[in-house]
Amino acid sequence: MPRTLTLALLLATPALADTAPPDMAAQKDKVIAVLEANGCTLAPDAAEKAFTDAGFTPETLNPVADAMMAEGTLSFDSSGITLKTGKCK
């Protein structure tokens, strides 16, 4: 069975790792760069590919996305994921 990551798995489930990535600031910068490079909003299928290509897994993306959503710099809904900081204000 092919391994498939979905945006729902990446963002809607609790973080699979008990600890945050070693350098949260660097991971946030990486998320920001991915979204800024893609017009600030990514549909679910595009987000899956973009974050996987950037080297994220559910274990590494979930804590970062959770922190950014809590800060209000990232939002997620049925249309996808949207950055609300940097060039995407």
C-alpha atoms as a PDB file:
ATOM      1  CA  MET A   1       0.000   0.000   0.000  1.00  0.00           C
ATOM      2  CA  PRO A   2       1.549   3.346  -1.016  1.00  0.00           C
ATOM      3  CA  ARG A   3       2.299   5.784   1.762  1.00  0.00           C
ATOM      4  CA  THR A   4       0.033   8.772   1.369  1.00  0.00           C
ATOM      5  CA  LEU A   5       0.166  11.918   3.462  1.00  0.00           C
ATOM      6  CA  THR A   6      -2.924  14.048   3.508  1.00  0.00           C
ATOM      7  CA  LEU A   7      -3.357  17.589   4.705  1.00  0.00           C
ATOM      8  CA  ALA A   8      -5.914  16.316   7.176  1.00  0.00           C
ATOM      9  CA  LEU A   9      -3.367  13.914   8.608  1.00  0.00           C
ATOM     10  CA  LEU A  10      -0.710  16.602   8.717  1.00  0.00           C
ATOM     11  CA  LEU A  11      -2.793  19.246  10.418  1.00  0.00           C
ATOM     12  CA  ALA A  12      -6.019  17.917  11.873  1.00  0.00           C
ATOM     13  CA  THR A  13      -4.657  15.108  13.994  1.00  0.00           C
ATOM     14  CA  PRO A  14      -2.758  15.549  17.246  1.00  0.00           C
ATOM     15  CA  ALA A  15       0.979  15.680  16.903  1.00  0.00           C
ATOM     16  CA  LEU A  16       2.413  12.197  16.676  1.00  0.00           C
ATOM     17  CA  ALA A  17       5.636  13.203  18.369  1.00  0.00           C
ATOM     18  CA  ASP A  18       5.637  14.156  22.037  1.00  0.00           C
ATOM     19  CA  THR A  19       8.278  16.812  21.560  1.00  0.00           C
ATOM     20  CA  ALA A  20       8.592  19.799  19.268  1.00  0.00           C
ATOM     21  CA  PRO A  21      11.110  19.763  16.452  1.00  0.00           C
ATOM     22  CA  PRO A  22      14.611  20.624  17.666  1.00  0.00           C
ATOM     23  CA  ASP A  23      14.573  24.101  16.156  1.00  0.00           C
ATOM     24  CA  MET A  24      10.987  25.345  16.081  1.00  0.00           C
ATOM     25  CA  ALA A  25      11.969  28.767  14.693  1.00  0.00           C
ATOM     26  CA  ALA A  26      13.775  27.180  11.746  1.00  0.00           C
ATOM     27  CA  GLN A  27      10.819  24.861  11.082  1.00  0.00           C
ATOM     28  CA  LYS A  28       8.403  27.821  11.167  1.00  0.00           C
ATOM     29  CA  ASP A  29      10.629  29.673   8.700  1.00  0.00           C
ATOM     30  CA  LYS A  30      10.540  26.623   6.448  1.00  0.00           C
ATOM     31  CA  VAL A  31       6.709  26.489   6.579  1.00  0.00           C
ATOM     32  CA  ILE A  32       6.569  30.220   5.809  1.00  0.00           C
ATOM     33  CA  ALA A  33       8.946  29.784   2.854  1.00  0.00           C
ATOM     34  CA  VAL A  34       6.879  26.909   1.425  1.00  0.00           C
ATOM     35  CA  LEU A  35       3.647  28.896   1.641  1.00  0.00           C
ATOM     36  CA  GLU A  36       5.135  32.185   0.395  1.00  0.00           C
ATOM     37  CA  ALA A  37       6.610  30.342  -2.598  1.00  0.00           C
ATOM     38  CA  ASN A  38       3.141  29.009  -3.398  1.00  0.00           C
ATOM     39  CA  GLY A  39       1.052  32.176  -3.177  1.00  0.00           C
ATOM     40  CA  CYS A  40       0.299  32.033   0.580  1.00  0.00           C
ATOM     41  CA  THR A  41      -2.484  29.438   0.286  1.00  0.00           C
ATOM     42  CA  LEU A  42      -2.272  25.797  -0.710  1.00  0.00           C
ATOM     43  CA  ALA A  43      -5.139  23.440  -1.495  1.00  0.00           C
ATOM     44  CA  PRO A  44      -4.940  20.086   0.316  1.00  0.00           C
ATOM     45  CA  ASP A  45      -3.352  18.127  -2.553  1.00  0.00           C
ATOM     46  CA  ALA A  46      -0.846  20.876  -3.311  1.00  0.00           C
ATOM     47  CA  ALA A  47       0.000  21.253   0.393  1.00  0.00           C
ATOM     48  CA  GLU A  48       0.665  17.538   0.717  1.00  0.00           C
ATOM     49  CA  LYS A  49       3.161  17.634  -2.139  1.00  0.00           C
ATOM     50  CA  ALA A  50       4.775  20.938  -1.157  1.00  0.00           C
ATOM     51  CA  PHE A  51       5.363  19.965   2.470  1.00  0.00           C
ATOM     52  CA  THR A  52       6.519  16.449   1.604  1.00  0.00           C
ATOM     53  CA  ASP A  53       8.908  17.885  -0.999  1.00  0.00           C
ATOM     54  CA  ALA A  54      10.210  20.302   1.662  1.00  0.00           C
ATOM     55  CA  GLY A  55      11.067  17.317   3.848  1.00  0.00           C
ATOM     56  CA  PHE A  56       8.196  17.473   6.336  1.00  0.00           C
ATOM     57  CA  THR A  57       6.487  14.414   7.768  1.00  0.00           C
ATOM     58  CA  PRO A  58       3.403  14.420  10.000  1.00  0.00           C
ATOM     59  CA  GLU A  59       5.738  14.092  12.980  1.00  0.00           C
ATOM     60  CA  THR A  60       7.690  17.219  12.057  1.00  0.00           C
ATOM     61  CA  LEU A  61       4.899  19.352  10.610  1.00  0.00           C
ATOM     62  CA  ASN A  62       2.176  18.837  13.219  1.00  0.00           C
ATOM     63  CA  PRO A  63       3.888  20.605  16.141  1.00  0.00           C
ATOM     64  CA  VAL A  64       4.932  23.498  13.918  1.00  0.00           C
ATOM     65  CA  ALA A  65       1.481  23.894  12.367  1.00  0.00           C
ATOM     66  CA  ASP A  66      -0.177  23.644  15.790  1.00  0.00           C
ATOM     67  CA  ALA A  67       2.086  26.378  17.170  1.00  0.00           C
ATOM     68  CA  MET A  68       1.533  28.621  14.155  1.00  0.00           C
ATOM     69  CA  MET A  69      -2.244  28.170  14.303  1.00  0.00           C
ATOM     70  CA  ALA A  70      -2.188  29.023  18.022  1.00  0.00           C
ATOM     71  CA  GLU A  71      -0.222  32.189  17.160  1.00  0.00           C
ATOM     72  CA  GLY A  72      -2.709  33.097  14.428  1.00  0.00           C
ATOM     73  CA  THR A  73      -0.106  32.998  11.663  1.00  0.00           C
ATOM     74  CA  LEU A  74      -1.547  29.935   9.956  1.00  0.00           C
ATOM     75  CA  SER A  75      -5.109  28.856   9.247  1.00  0.00           C
ATOM     76  CA  PHE A  76      -6.563  25.617   7.971  1.00  0.00           C
ATOM     77  CA  ASP A  77      -9.990  24.918   6.525  1.00  0.00           C
ATOM     78  CA  SER A  78     -11.557  22.788   3.826  1.00  0.00           C
ATOM     79  CA  SER A  79     -10.014  24.938   1.078  1.00  0.00           C
ATOM     80  CA  GLY A  80      -6.501  24.366   2.392  1.00  0.00           C
ATOM     81  CA  ILE A  81      -3.822  26.014   4.456  1.00  0.00           C
ATOM     82  CA  THR A  82      -3.193  29.776   4.492  1.00  0.00           C
ATOM     83  CA  LEU A  83      -0.280  31.780   5.824  1.00  0.00           C
ATOM     84  CA  LYS A  84      -1.147  35.056   7.569  1.00  0.00           C
ATOM     85  CA  THR A  85       2.312  36.529   8.153  1.00  0.00           C
ATOM     86  CA  GLY A  86       5.356  37.771   6.287  1.00  0.00           C
ATOM     87  CA  LYS A  87       4.548  38.470   2.640  1.00  0.00           C
ATOM     88  CA  CYS A  88       1.086  36.981   3.143  1.00  0.00           C
ATOM     89  CA  LYS A  89      -0.481  39.538   5.478  1.00  0.00           C
END
